[in-house]
Amino acid sequence: MTEEPSLVQKGINLSKFAWDLMSYMNSGQGQTGFMHLMASDEVFNERISVCKTCDRYKESKQECLECGCFIPAKAKIILDSCPLNKWTIDQSDWEERFEAIQKGLDNDSKSE
């Protein structure tokens, strides 16, 4: 039987991620909203597939035994990554989304 992270460790992991996310949003880069922080369906499905084959995945709770995160939520966030480096932050998708946001903002300012 594999041991899960303690409730305290889960809290520490969640706090660290929340702090990183808030710092990112506060930096001005994330002001376009949380929807742009969500991974594409393709990236989400790839991440879920990787997790489901990992020996640290607890299927009954859909949880990672390494960090204690709920995988369907963790895999959907573009800026999150696997603690075992099996999948990483999806920078390419984020850059494409950010470029689209910038173009949209440029078009809005031209129409004023």
PDB file of N, CA and C in Angstrom:
ATOM      1  N   MET A   1       0.845  -1.179   0.000  1.00  0.00           N
ATOM      2  CA  MET A   1       0.000   0.000   0.000  1.00  0.00           C
ATOM      3  C   MET A   1       0.895   1.247   0.000  1.00  0.00           C
ATOM      4  N   THR A   2       0.571   2.188  -0.876  1.00  0.00           N
ATOM      5  CA  THR A   2       1.345   3.422  -0.939  1.00  0.00           C
ATOM      6  C   THR A   2       0.740   4.454  -0.004  1.00  0.00           C
ATOM      7  N   GLU A   3       1.624   5.173   0.653  1.00  0.00           N
ATOM      8  CA  GLU A   3       1.187   6.159   1.640  1.00  0.00           C
ATOM      9  C   GLU A   3       0.832   7.482   0.966  1.00  0.00           C
ATOM     10  N   GLU A   4      -0.281   8.044   1.362  1.00  0.00           N
ATOM     11  CA  GLU A   4      -0.716   9.347   0.870  1.00  0.00           C
ATOM     12  C   GLU A   4      -0.007  10.447   1.641  1.00  0.00           C
ATOM     13  N   PRO A   5       0.096  11.643   1.028  1.00  0.00           N
ATOM     14  CA  PRO A   5       0.613  12.772   1.792  1.00  0.00           C
ATOM     15  C   PRO A   5      -0.346  13.072   2.955  1.00  0.00           C
ATOM     16  N   SER A   6       0.193  13.563   4.023  1.00  0.00           N
ATOM     17  CA  SER A   6      -0.650  13.918   5.164  1.00  0.00           C
ATOM     18  C   SER A   6      -1.531  15.101   4.794  1.00  0.00           C
ATOM     19  N   LEU A   7      -2.555  15.323   5.590  1.00  0.00           N
ATOM     20  CA  LEU A   7      -3.436  16.467   5.367  1.00  0.00           C
ATOM     21  C   LEU A   7      -2.637  17.770   5.443  1.00  0.00           C
ATOM     22  N   VAL A   8      -1.681  17.816   6.351  1.00  0.00           N
ATOM     23  CA  VAL A   8      -0.831  19.001   6.477  1.00  0.00           C
ATOM     24  C   VAL A   8      -0.025  19.206   5.189  1.00  0.00           C
ATOM     25  N   GLN A   9       0.565  18.124   4.650  1.00  0.00           N
ATOM     26  CA  GLN A   9       1.354  18.249   3.424  1.00  0.00           C
ATOM     27  C   GLN A   9       0.466  18.662   2.252  1.00  0.00           C
ATOM     28  N   LYS A  10      -0.745  18.118   2.188  1.00  0.00           N
ATOM     29  CA  LYS A  10      -1.677  18.528   1.132  1.00  0.00           C
ATOM     30  C   LYS A  10      -1.955  20.032   1.232  1.00  0.00           C
ATOM     31  N   GLY A  11      -2.145  20.515   2.463  1.00  0.00           N
ATOM     32  CA  GLY A  11      -2.382  21.941   2.678  1.00  0.00           C
ATOM     33  C   GLY A  11      -1.203  22.789   2.249  1.00  0.00           C
ATOM     34  N   ILE A  12       0.000  22.328   2.560  1.00  0.00           N
ATOM     35  CA  ILE A  12       1.217  23.051   2.169  1.00  0.00           C
ATOM     36  C   ILE A  12       1.322  23.099   0.644  1.00  0.00           C
ATOM     37  N   ASN A  13       1.080  21.959  -0.015  1.00  0.00           N
ATOM     38  CA  ASN A  13       1.156  21.911  -1.473  1.00  0.00           C
ATOM     39  C   ASN A  13       0.124  22.836  -2.115  1.00  0.00           C
ATOM     40  N   LEU A  14      -1.098  22.804  -1.597  1.00  0.00           N
ATOM     41  CA  LEU A  14      -2.156  23.665  -2.127  1.00  0.00           C
ATOM     42  C   LEU A  14      -1.821  25.133  -1.883  1.00  0.00           C
ATOM     43  N   SER A  15      -1.311  25.448  -0.701  1.00  0.00           N
ATOM     44  CA  SER A  15      -0.944  26.833  -0.382  1.00  0.00           C
ATOM     45  C   SER A  15       0.140  27.348  -1.311  1.00  0.00           C
ATOM     46  N   LYS A  16       1.138  26.522  -1.581  1.00  0.00           N
ATOM     47  CA  LYS A  16       2.223  26.927  -2.474  1.00  0.00           C
ATOM     48  C   LYS A  16       1.678  27.212  -3.866  1.00  0.00           C
ATOM     49  N   PHE A  17       0.832  26.309  -4.360  1.00  0.00           N
ATOM     50  CA  PHE A  17       0.275  26.528  -5.683  1.00  0.00           C
ATOM     51  C   PHE A  17      -0.600  27.784  -5.701  1.00  0.00           C
ATOM     52  N   ALA A  18      -1.434  27.962  -4.685  1.00  0.00           N
ATOM     53  CA  ALA A  18      -2.307  29.136  -4.620  1.00  0.00           C
ATOM     54  C   ALA A  18      -1.473  30.417  -4.591  1.00  0.00           C
ATOM     55  N   TRP A  19      -0.391  30.397  -3.832  1.00  0.00           N
ATOM     56  CA  TRP A  19       0.492  31.573  -3.766  1.00  0.00           C
ATOM     57  C   TRP A  19       1.097  31.872  -5.137  1.00  0.00           C
ATOM     58  N   ASP A  20       1.596  30.820  -5.821  1.00  0.00           N
ATOM     59  CA  ASP A  20       2.174  31.003  -7.149  1.00  0.00           C
ATOM     60  C   ASP A  20       1.136  31.556  -8.123  1.00  0.00           C
ATOM     61  N   LEU A  21      -0.083  31.036  -8.061  1.00  0.00           N
ATOM     62  CA  LEU A  21      -1.144  31.488  -8.950  1.00  0.00           C
ATOM     63  C   LEU A  21      -1.514  32.942  -8.665  1.00  0.00           C
ATOM     64  N   MET A  22      -1.659  33.289  -7.388  1.00  0.00           N
ATOM     65  CA  MET A  22      -2.003  34.658  -7.033  1.00  0.00           C
ATOM     66  C   MET A  22      -0.886  35.629  -7.420  1.00  0.00           C
ATOM     67  N   SER A  23       0.353  35.216  -7.246  1.00  0.00           N
ATOM     68  CA  SER A  23       1.485  36.062  -7.640  1.00  0.00           C
ATOM     69  C   SER A  23       1.455  36.311  -9.139  1.00  0.00           C
ATOM     70  N   TYR A  24       1.138  35.265  -9.882  1.00  0.00           N
ATOM     71  CA  TYR A  24       1.053  35.395 -11.335  1.00  0.00           C
ATOM     72  C   TYR A  24      -0.073  36.359 -11.718  1.00  0.00           C
ATOM     73  N   MET A  25      -1.248  36.168 -11.131  1.00  0.00           N
ATOM     74  CA  MET A  25      -2.392  37.027 -11.444  1.00  0.00           C
ATOM     75  C   MET A  25      -2.087  38.471 -11.044  1.00  0.00           C
ATOM     76  N   ASN A  26      -1.424  38.651  -9.922  1.00  0.00           N
ATOM     77  CA  ASN A  26      -1.112  39.993  -9.418  1.00  0.00           C
ATOM     78  C   ASN A  26      -0.035  40.685 -10.247  1.00  0.00           C
ATOM     79  N   SER A  27       0.738  39.914 -11.006  1.00  0.00           N
ATOM     80  CA  SER A  27       1.813  40.498 -11.803  1.00  0.00           C
ATOM     81  C   SER A  27       1.288  41.299 -12.992  1.00  0.00           C
ATOM     82  N   GLY A  28      -0.012  41.201 -13.242  1.00  0.00           N
ATOM     83  CA  GLY A  28      -0.589  41.923 -14.372  1.00  0.00           C
ATOM     84  C   GLY A  28      -0.777  41.046 -15.589  1.00  0.00           C
ATOM     85  N   GLN A  29      -0.103  39.911 -15.629  1.00  0.00           N
ATOM     86  CA  GLN A  29      -0.212  39.018 -16.772  1.00  0.00           C
ATOM     87  C   GLN A  29      -1.530  38.256 -16.779  1.00  0.00           C
ATOM     88  N   GLY A  30      -2.131  38.083 -15.624  1.00  0.00           N
ATOM     89  CA  GLY A  30      -3.323  37.265 -15.544  1.00  0.00           C
ATOM     90  C   GLY A  30      -4.611  38.038 -15.414  1.00  0.00           C
ATOM     91  N   GLN A  31      -4.594  39.316 -15.681  1.00  0.00           N
ATOM     92  CA  GLN A  31      -5.781  40.141 -15.478  1.00  0.00           C
ATOM     93  C   GLN A  31      -6.911  39.830 -16.437  1.00  0.00           C
ATOM     94  N   THR A  32      -6.672  39.022 -17.445  1.00  0.00           N
ATOM     95  CA  THR A  32      -7.724  38.707 -18.408  1.00  0.00           C
ATOM     96  C   THR A  32      -8.682  37.661 -17.884  1.00  0.00           C
ATOM     97  N   GLY A  33      -8.408  37.101 -16.724  1.00  0.00           N
ATOM     98  CA  GLY A  33      -9.350  36.183 -16.101  1.00  0.00           C
ATOM     99  C   GLY A  33      -8.851  34.760 -16.009  1.00  0.00           C
ATOM    100  N   PHE A  34      -9.510  34.034 -15.131  1.00  0.00           N
ATOM    101  CA  PHE A  34      -9.112  32.655 -14.869  1.00  0.00           C
ATOM    102  C   PHE A  34      -9.379  31.717 -16.041  1.00  0.00           C
ATOM    103  N   MET A  35     -10.335  32.027 -16.905  1.00  0.00           N
ATOM    104  CA  MET A  35     -10.632  31.130 -18.027  1.00  0.00           C
ATOM    105  C   MET A  35      -9.407  30.914 -18.897  1.00  0.00           C
ATOM    106  N   HIS A  36      -8.559  31.912 -18.973  1.00  0.00           N
ATOM    107  CA  HIS A  36      -7.363  31.786 -19.800  1.00  0.00           C
ATOM    108  C   HIS A  36      -6.269  30.985 -19.108  1.00  0.00           C
ATOM    109  N   LEU A  37      -6.523  30.582 -17.878  1.00  0.00           N
ATOM    110  CA  LEU A  37      -5.570  29.749 -17.150  1.00  0.00           C
ATOM    111  C   LEU A  37      -5.905  28.277 -17.266  1.00  0.00           C
ATOM    112  N   MET A  38      -6.946  27.961 -18.030  1.00  0.00           N
ATOM    113  CA  MET A  38      -7.365  26.577 -18.186  1.00  0.00           C
ATOM    114  C   MET A  38      -6.695  25.952 -19.404  1.00  0.00           C
ATOM    115  N   ALA A  39      -6.208  24.739 -19.228  1.00  0.00           N
ATOM    116  CA  ALA A  39      -5.567  24.008 -20.318  1.00  0.00           C
ATOM    117  C   ALA A  39      -6.615  23.612 -21.355  1.00  0.00           C
ATOM    118  N   SER A  40      -6.166  23.434 -22.583  1.00  0.00           N
ATOM    119  CA  SER A  40      -7.062  22.972 -23.632  1.00  0.00           C
ATOM    120  C   SER A  40      -7.529  21.553 -23.306  1.00  0.00           C
ATOM    121  N   ASP A  41      -8.601  21.124 -23.937  1.00  0.00           N
ATOM    122  CA  ASP A  41      -9.108  19.763 -23.720  1.00  0.00           C
ATOM    123  C   ASP A  41      -8.051  18.730 -24.095  1.00  0.00           C
ATOM    124  N   GLU A  42      -7.299  19.001 -25.154  1.00  0.00           N
ATOM    125  CA  GLU A  42      -6.248  18.073 -25.601  1.00  0.00           C
ATOM    126  C   GLU A  42      -5.169  17.912 -24.525  1.00  0.00           C
ATOM    127  N   VAL A  43      -4.691  19.021 -23.977  1.00  0.00           N
ATOM    128  CA  VAL A  43      -3.662  18.986 -22.932  1.00  0.00           C
ATOM    129  C   VAL A  43      -4.224  18.317 -21.677  1.00  0.00           C
ATOM    130  N   PHE A  44      -5.444  18.685 -21.303  1.00  0.00           N
ATOM    131  CA  PHE A  44      -6.097  18.075 -20.145  1.00  0.00           C
ATOM    132  C   PHE A  44      -6.166  16.562 -20.301  1.00  0.00           C
ATOM    133  N   ASN A  45      -6.632  16.083 -21.446  1.00  0.00           N
ATOM    134  CA  ASN A  45      -6.761  14.639 -21.670  1.00  0.00           C
ATOM    135  C   ASN A  45      -5.408  13.939 -21.662  1.00  0.00           C
ATOM    136  N   GLU A  46      -4.388  14.568 -22.217  1.00  0.00           N
ATOM    137  CA  GLU A  46      -3.034  13.993 -22.186  1.00  0.00           C
ATOM    138  C   GLU A  46      -2.546  13.864 -20.743  1.00  0.00           C
ATOM    139  N   ARG A  47      -2.742  14.908 -19.961  1.00  0.00           N
ATOM    140  CA  ARG A  47      -2.306  14.892 -18.559  1.00  0.00           C
ATOM    141  C   ARG A  47      -3.036  13.803 -17.777  1.00  0.00           C
ATOM    142  N   ILE A  48      -4.348  13.708 -17.956  1.00  0.00           N
ATOM    143  CA  ILE A  48      -5.137  12.684 -17.264  1.00  0.00           C
ATOM    144  C   ILE A  48      -4.637  11.290 -17.640  1.00  0.00           C
ATOM    145  N   SER A  49      -4.362  11.069 -18.921  1.00  0.00           N
ATOM    146  CA  SER A  49      -3.854   9.762 -19.375  1.00  0.00           C
ATOM    147  C   SER A  49      -2.535   9.413 -18.702  1.00  0.00           C
ATOM    148  N   VAL A  50      -1.647  10.398 -18.604  1.00  0.00           N
ATOM    149  CA  VAL A  50      -0.355  10.172 -17.948  1.00  0.00           C
ATOM    150  C   VAL A  50      -0.575   9.809 -16.483  1.00  0.00           C
ATOM    151  N   CYS A  51      -1.426  10.567 -15.815  1.00  0.00           N
ATOM    152  CA  CYS A  51      -1.684  10.312 -14.398  1.00  0.00           C
ATOM    153  C   CYS A  51      -2.272   8.930 -14.161  1.00  0.00           C
ATOM    154  N   LYS A  52      -3.185   8.527 -15.015  1.00  0.00           N
ATOM    155  CA  LYS A  52      -3.852   7.232 -14.830  1.00  0.00           C
ATOM    156  C   LYS A  52      -2.894   6.053 -14.975  1.00  0.00           C
ATOM    157  N   THR A  53      -1.757   6.254 -15.633  1.00  0.00           N
ATOM    158  CA  THR A  53      -0.773   5.180 -15.769  1.00  0.00           C
ATOM    159  C   THR A  53       0.302   5.221 -14.682  1.00  0.00           C
ATOM    160  N   CYS A  54       0.264   6.242 -13.844  1.00  0.00           N
ATOM    161  CA  CYS A  54       1.270   6.440 -12.798  1.00  0.00           C
ATOM    162  C   CYS A  54       0.941   5.603 -11.560  1.00  0.00           C
ATOM    163  N   ASP A  55       1.967   5.061 -10.924  1.00  0.00           N
ATOM    164  CA  ASP A  55       1.756   4.261  -9.706  1.00  0.00           C
ATOM    165  C   ASP A  55       1.393   5.119  -8.496  1.00  0.00           C
ATOM    166  N   ARG A  56       1.475   6.433  -8.621  1.00  0.00           N
ATOM    167  CA  ARG A  56       1.108   7.345  -7.526  1.00  0.00           C
ATOM    168  C   ARG A  56      -0.313   7.896  -7.687  1.00  0.00           C
ATOM    169  N   TYR A  57      -1.051   7.369  -8.683  1.00  0.00           N
ATOM    170  CA  TYR A  57      -2.424   7.800  -8.927  1.00  0.00           C
ATOM    171  C   TYR A  57      -3.382   6.896  -8.154  1.00  0.00           C
ATOM    172  N   LYS A  58      -4.242   7.490  -7.358  1.00  0.00           N
ATOM    173  CA  LYS A  58      -5.243   6.745  -6.599  1.00  0.00           C
ATOM    174  C   LYS A  58      -6.585   6.925  -7.292  1.00  0.00           C
ATOM    175  N   GLU A  59      -6.976   5.910  -8.048  1.00  0.00           N
ATOM    176  CA  GLU A  59      -8.157   6.012  -8.897  1.00  0.00           C
ATOM    177  C   GLU A  59      -9.440   6.255  -8.107  1.00  0.00           C
ATOM    178  N   SER A  60      -9.594   5.620  -6.961  1.00  0.00           N
ATOM    179  CA  SER A  60     -10.840   5.755  -6.203  1.00  0.00           C
ATOM    180  C   SER A  60     -11.125   7.201  -5.783  1.00  0.00           C
ATOM    181  N   LYS A  61     -10.077   7.988  -5.569  1.00  0.00           N
ATOM    182  CA  LYS A  61     -10.243   9.399  -5.190  1.00  0.00           C
ATOM    183  C   LYS A  61      -9.828  10.355  -6.306  1.00  0.00           C
ATOM    184  N   GLN A  62      -9.348   9.810  -7.426  1.00  0.00           N
ATOM    185  CA  GLN A  62      -8.796  10.605  -8.525  1.00  0.00           C
ATOM    186  C   GLN A  62      -7.767  11.589  -7.985  1.00  0.00           C
ATOM    187  N   GLU A  63      -6.880  11.062  -7.164  1.00  0.00           N
ATOM    188  CA  GLU A  63      -5.928  11.872  -6.423  1.00  0.00           C
ATOM    189  C   GLU A  63      -4.497  11.417  -6.701  1.00  0.00           C
ATOM    190  N   CYS A  64      -3.564  12.350  -6.603  1.00  0.00           N
ATOM    191  CA  CYS A  64      -2.142  12.047  -6.712  1.00  0.00           C
ATOM    192  C   CYS A  64      -1.616  11.738  -5.313  1.00  0.00           C
ATOM    193  N   LEU A  65      -0.989  10.589  -5.166  1.00  0.00           N
ATOM    194  CA  LEU A  65      -0.442  10.223  -3.866  1.00  0.00           C
ATOM    195  C   LEU A  65       0.878  10.945  -3.572  1.00  0.00           C
ATOM    196  N   GLU A  66       1.432  11.602  -4.563  1.00  0.00           N
ATOM    197  CA  GLU A  66       2.672  12.356  -4.369  1.00  0.00           C
ATOM    198  C   GLU A  66       2.377  13.720  -3.741  1.00  0.00           C
ATOM    199  N   CYS A  67       1.421  14.456  -4.325  1.00  0.00           N
ATOM    200  CA  CYS A  67       1.120  15.810  -3.838  1.00  0.00           C
ATOM    201  C   CYS A  67      -0.236  15.911  -3.154  1.00  0.00           C
ATOM    202  N   GLY A  68      -1.106  14.926  -3.363  1.00  0.00           N
ATOM    203  CA  GLY A  68      -2.422  14.936  -2.740  1.00  0.00           C
ATOM    204  C   GLY A  68      -3.478  15.719  -3.501  1.00  0.00           C
ATOM    205  N   CYS A  69      -3.136  16.187  -4.687  1.00  0.00           N
ATOM    206  CA  CYS A  69      -4.079  16.997  -5.463  1.00  0.00           C
ATOM    207  C   CYS A  69      -5.156  16.143  -6.128  1.00  0.00           C
ATOM    208  N   PHE A  70      -6.327  16.760  -6.312  1.00  0.00           N
ATOM    209  CA  PHE A  70      -7.419  16.172  -7.077  1.00  0.00           C
ATOM    210  C   PHE A  70      -7.056  16.352  -8.543  1.00  0.00           C
ATOM    211  N   ILE A  71      -6.758  15.259  -9.227  1.00  0.00           N
ATOM    212  CA  ILE A  71      -6.186  15.298 -10.571  1.00  0.00           C
ATOM    213  C   ILE A  71      -7.056  16.006 -11.609  1.00  0.00           C
ATOM    214  N   PRO A  72      -8.375  15.797 -11.654  1.00  0.00           N
ATOM    215  CA  PRO A  72      -9.147  16.515 -12.675  1.00  0.00           C
ATOM    216  C   PRO A  72      -9.028  18.037 -12.566  1.00  0.00           C
ATOM    217  N   ALA A  73      -8.876  18.569 -11.372  1.00  0.00           N
ATOM    218  CA  ALA A  73      -8.692  20.015 -11.215  1.00  0.00           C
ATOM    219  C   ALA A  73      -7.261  20.415 -11.553  1.00  0.00           C
ATOM    220  N   LYS A  74      -6.291  19.670 -11.042  1.00  0.00           N
ATOM    221  CA  LYS A  74      -4.877  19.989 -11.270  1.00  0.00           C
ATOM    222  C   LYS A  74      -4.536  19.944 -12.759  1.00  0.00           C
ATOM    223  N   ALA A  75      -5.020  18.936 -13.462  1.00  0.00           N
ATOM    224  CA  ALA A  75      -4.696  18.753 -14.879  1.00  0.00           C
ATOM    225  C   ALA A  75      -5.318  19.821 -15.766  1.00  0.00           C
ATOM    226  N   LYS A  76      -6.347  20.499 -15.289  1.00  0.00           N
ATOM    227  CA  LYS A  76      -7.038  21.512 -16.087  1.00  0.00           C
ATOM    228  C   LYS A  76      -6.360  22.883 -16.020  1.00  0.00           C
ATOM    229  N   ILE A  77      -5.502  23.093 -15.036  1.00  0.00           N
ATOM    230  CA  ILE A  77      -4.874  24.402 -14.866  1.00  0.00           C
ATOM    231  C   ILE A  77      -3.575  24.462 -15.671  1.00  0.00           C
ATOM    232  N   ILE A  78      -3.520  25.406 -16.585  1.00  0.00           N
ATOM    233  CA  ILE A  78      -2.411  25.501 -17.530  1.00  0.00           C
ATOM    234  C   ILE A  78      -1.062  25.714 -16.850  1.00  0.00           C
ATOM    235  N   LEU A  79      -1.061  26.390 -15.706  1.00  0.00           N
ATOM    236  CA  LEU A  79       0.189  26.729 -15.028  1.00  0.00           C
ATOM    237  C   LEU A  79       0.623  25.697 -13.997  1.00  0.00           C
ATOM    238  N   ASP A  80      -0.095  24.580 -13.903  1.00  0.00           N
ATOM    239  CA  ASP A  80       0.265  23.554 -12.936  1.00  0.00           C
ATOM    240  C   ASP A  80       1.136  22.489 -13.598  1.00  0.00           C
ATOM    241  N   SER A  81       1.802  21.686 -12.786  1.00  0.00           N
ATOM    242  CA  SER A  81       2.669  20.628 -13.312  1.00  0.00           C
ATOM    243  C   SER A  81       2.668  19.434 -12.368  1.00  0.00           C
ATOM    244  N   CYS A  82       3.127  18.321 -12.877  1.00  0.00           N
ATOM    245  CA  CYS A  82       3.224  17.089 -12.098  1.00  0.00           C
ATOM    246  C   CYS A  82       4.432  17.181 -11.159  1.00  0.00           C
ATOM    247  N   PRO A  83       4.263  16.791  -9.894  1.00  0.00           N
ATOM    248  CA  PRO A  83       5.392  16.850  -8.965  1.00  0.00           C
ATOM    249  C   PRO A  83       6.501  15.844  -9.310  1.00  0.00           C
ATOM    250  N   LEU A  84       6.186  14.884 -10.174  1.00  0.00           N
ATOM    251  CA  LEU A  84       7.176  13.896 -10.606  1.00  0.00           C
ATOM    252  C   LEU A  84       7.716  14.209 -12.002  1.00  0.00           C
ATOM    253  N   ASN A  85       7.382  15.400 -12.515  1.00  0.00           N
ATOM    254  CA  ASN A  85       7.826  15.858 -13.836  1.00  0.00           C
ATOM    255  C   ASN A  85       7.344  14.982 -14.988  1.00  0.00           C
ATOM    256  N   LYS A  86       6.192  14.345 -14.811  1.00  0.00           N
ATOM    257  CA  LYS A  86       5.629  13.535 -15.892  1.00  0.00           C
ATOM    258  C   LYS A  86       4.867  14.408 -16.880  1.00  0.00           C
ATOM    259  N   TRP A  87       4.437  15.578 -16.455  1.00  0.00           N
ATOM    260  CA  TRP A  87       3.911  16.627 -17.335  1.00  0.00           C
ATOM    261  C   TRP A  87       4.211  17.970 -16.689  1.00  0.00           C
ATOM    262  N   THR A  88       4.348  18.983 -17.527  1.00  0.00           N
ATOM    263  CA  THR A  88       4.818  20.285 -17.050  1.00  0.00           C
ATOM    264  C   THR A  88       3.822  21.400 -17.374  1.00  0.00           C
ATOM    265  N   ILE A  89       4.153  22.591 -16.946  1.00  0.00           N
ATOM    266  CA  ILE A  89       3.378  23.778 -17.286  1.00  0.00           C
ATOM    267  C   ILE A  89       3.281  23.853 -18.808  1.00  0.00           C
ATOM    268  N   ASP A  90       2.112  24.142 -19.295  1.00  0.00           N
ATOM    269  CA  ASP A  90       1.887  24.193 -20.736  1.00  0.00           C
ATOM    270  C   ASP A  90       2.141  25.596 -21.260  1.00  0.00           C
ATOM    271  N   GLN A  91       3.399  25.949 -21.413  1.00  0.00           N
ATOM    272  CA  GLN A  91       3.786  27.294 -21.842  1.00  0.00           C
ATOM    273  C   GLN A  91       3.339  27.606 -23.263  1.00  0.00           C
ATOM    274  N   SER A  92       3.445  26.647 -24.178  1.00  0.00           N
ATOM    275  CA  SER A  92       3.114  26.941 -25.571  1.00  0.00           C
ATOM    276  C   SER A  92       1.650  27.325 -25.721  1.00  0.00           C
ATOM    277  N   ASP A  93       0.777  26.604 -25.076  1.00  0.00           N
ATOM    278  CA  ASP A  93      -0.651  26.898 -25.158  1.00  0.00           C
ATOM    279  C   ASP A  93      -0.938  28.252 -24.526  1.00  0.00           C
ATOM    280  N   TRP A  94      -0.270  28.536 -23.407  1.00  0.00           N
ATOM    281  CA  TRP A  94      -0.491  29.814 -22.742  1.00  0.00           C
ATOM    282  C   TRP A  94      -0.064  30.962 -23.643  1.00  0.00           C
ATOM    283  N   GLU A  95       1.066  30.841 -24.299  1.00  0.00           N
ATOM    284  CA  GLU A  95       1.553  31.912 -25.157  1.00  0.00           C
ATOM    285  C   GLU A  95       0.585  32.181 -26.307  1.00  0.00           C
ATOM    286  N   GLU A  96       0.033  31.117 -26.895  1.00  0.00           N
ATOM    287  CA  GLU A  96      -0.938  31.273 -27.972  1.00  0.00           C
ATOM    288  C   GLU A  96      -2.189  31.989 -27.455  1.00  0.00           C
ATOM    289  N   ARG A  97      -2.667  31.592 -26.291  1.00  0.00           N
ATOM    290  CA  ARG A  97      -3.853  32.220 -25.720  1.00  0.00           C
ATOM    291  C   ARG A  97      -3.583  33.691 -25.403  1.00  0.00           C
ATOM    292  N   PHE A  98      -2.418  33.966 -24.856  1.00  0.00           N
ATOM    293  CA  PHE A  98      -2.087  35.344 -24.503  1.00  0.00           C
ATOM    294  C   PHE A  98      -2.005  36.220 -25.750  1.00  0.00           C
ATOM    295  N   GLU A  99      -1.449  35.685 -26.840  1.00  0.00           N
ATOM    296  CA  GLU A  99      -1.388  36.442 -28.091  1.00  0.00           C
ATOM    297  C   GLU A  99      -2.799  36.748 -28.594  1.00  0.00           C
ATOM    298  N   ALA A 100      -3.705  35.787 -28.500  1.00  0.00           N
ATOM    299  CA  ALA A 100      -5.088  36.000 -28.934  1.00  0.00           C
ATOM    300  C   ALA A 100      -5.763  37.065 -28.071  1.00  0.00           C
ATOM    301  N   ILE A 101      -5.481  37.043 -26.793  1.00  0.00           N
ATOM    302  CA  ILE A 101      -6.040  38.047 -25.879  1.00  0.00           C
ATOM    303  C   ILE A 101      -5.528  39.432 -26.263  1.00  0.00           C
ATOM    304  N   GLN A 102      -4.229  39.529 -26.516  1.00  0.00           N
ATOM    305  CA  GLN A 102      -3.649  40.813 -26.904  1.00  0.00           C
ATOM    306  C   GLN A 102      -4.284  41.350 -28.181  1.00  0.00           C
ATOM    307  N   LYS A 103      -4.484  40.470 -29.170  1.00  0.00           N
ATOM    308  CA  LYS A 103      -5.113  40.891 -30.422  1.00  0.00           C
ATOM    309  C   LYS A 103      -6.531  41.382 -30.159  1.00  0.00           C
ATOM    310  N   GLY A 104      -7.250  40.665 -29.314  1.00  0.00           N
ATOM    311  CA  GLY A 104      -8.608  41.077 -28.965  1.00  0.00           C
ATOM    312  C   GLY A 104      -8.629  42.434 -28.288  1.00  0.00           C
ATOM    313  N   LEU A 105      -7.683  42.663 -27.389  1.00  0.00           N
ATOM    314  CA  LEU A 105      -7.597  43.960 -26.716  1.00  0.00           C
ATOM    315  C   LEU A 105      -7.246  45.069 -27.705  1.00  0.00           C
ATOM    316  N   ASP A 106      -6.334  44.775 -28.637  1.00  0.00           N
ATOM    317  CA  ASP A 106      -5.972  45.758 -29.654  1.00  0.00           C
ATOM    318  C   ASP A 106      -7.189  46.126 -30.508  1.00  0.00           C
ATOM    319  N   ASN A 107      -7.976  45.126 -30.878  1.00  0.00           N
ATOM    320  CA  ASN A 107      -9.168  45.368 -31.698  1.00  0.00           C
ATOM    321  C   ASN A 107     -10.194  46.185 -30.923  1.00  0.00           C
ATOM    322  N   ASP A 108     -10.340  45.929 -29.622  1.00  0.00           N
ATOM    323  CA  ASP A 108     -11.277  46.688 -28.792  1.00  0.00           C
ATOM    324  C   ASP A 108     -10.873  48.157 -28.704  1.00  0.00           C
ATOM    325  N   SER A 109      -9.579  48.405 -28.541  1.00  0.00           N
ATOM    326  CA  SER A 109      -9.128  49.787 -28.399  1.00  0.00           C
ATOM    327  C   SER A 109      -9.240  50.544 -29.730  1.00  0.00           C
ATOM    328  N   LYS A 110      -9.131  49.867 -30.868  1.00  0.00           N
ATOM    329  CA  LYS A 110      -9.266  50.509 -32.168  1.00  0.00           C
ATOM    330  C   LYS A 110     -10.714  50.875 -32.473  1.00  0.00           C
ATOM    331  N   SER A 111     -11.644  50.104 -31.910  1.00  0.00           N
ATOM    332  CA  SER A 111     -13.067  50.357 -32.208  1.00  0.00           C
ATOM    333  C   SER A 111     -13.645  51.463 -31.343  1.00  0.00           C
ATOM    334  N   GLU A 112     -12.914  51.931 -30.356  1.00  0.00           N
ATOM    335  CA  GLU A 112     -13.425  52.996 -29.473  1.00  0.00           C
ATOM    336  C   GLU A 112     -13.404  54.343 -30.111  1.00  0.00           C
TER     337      GLU A 112
END
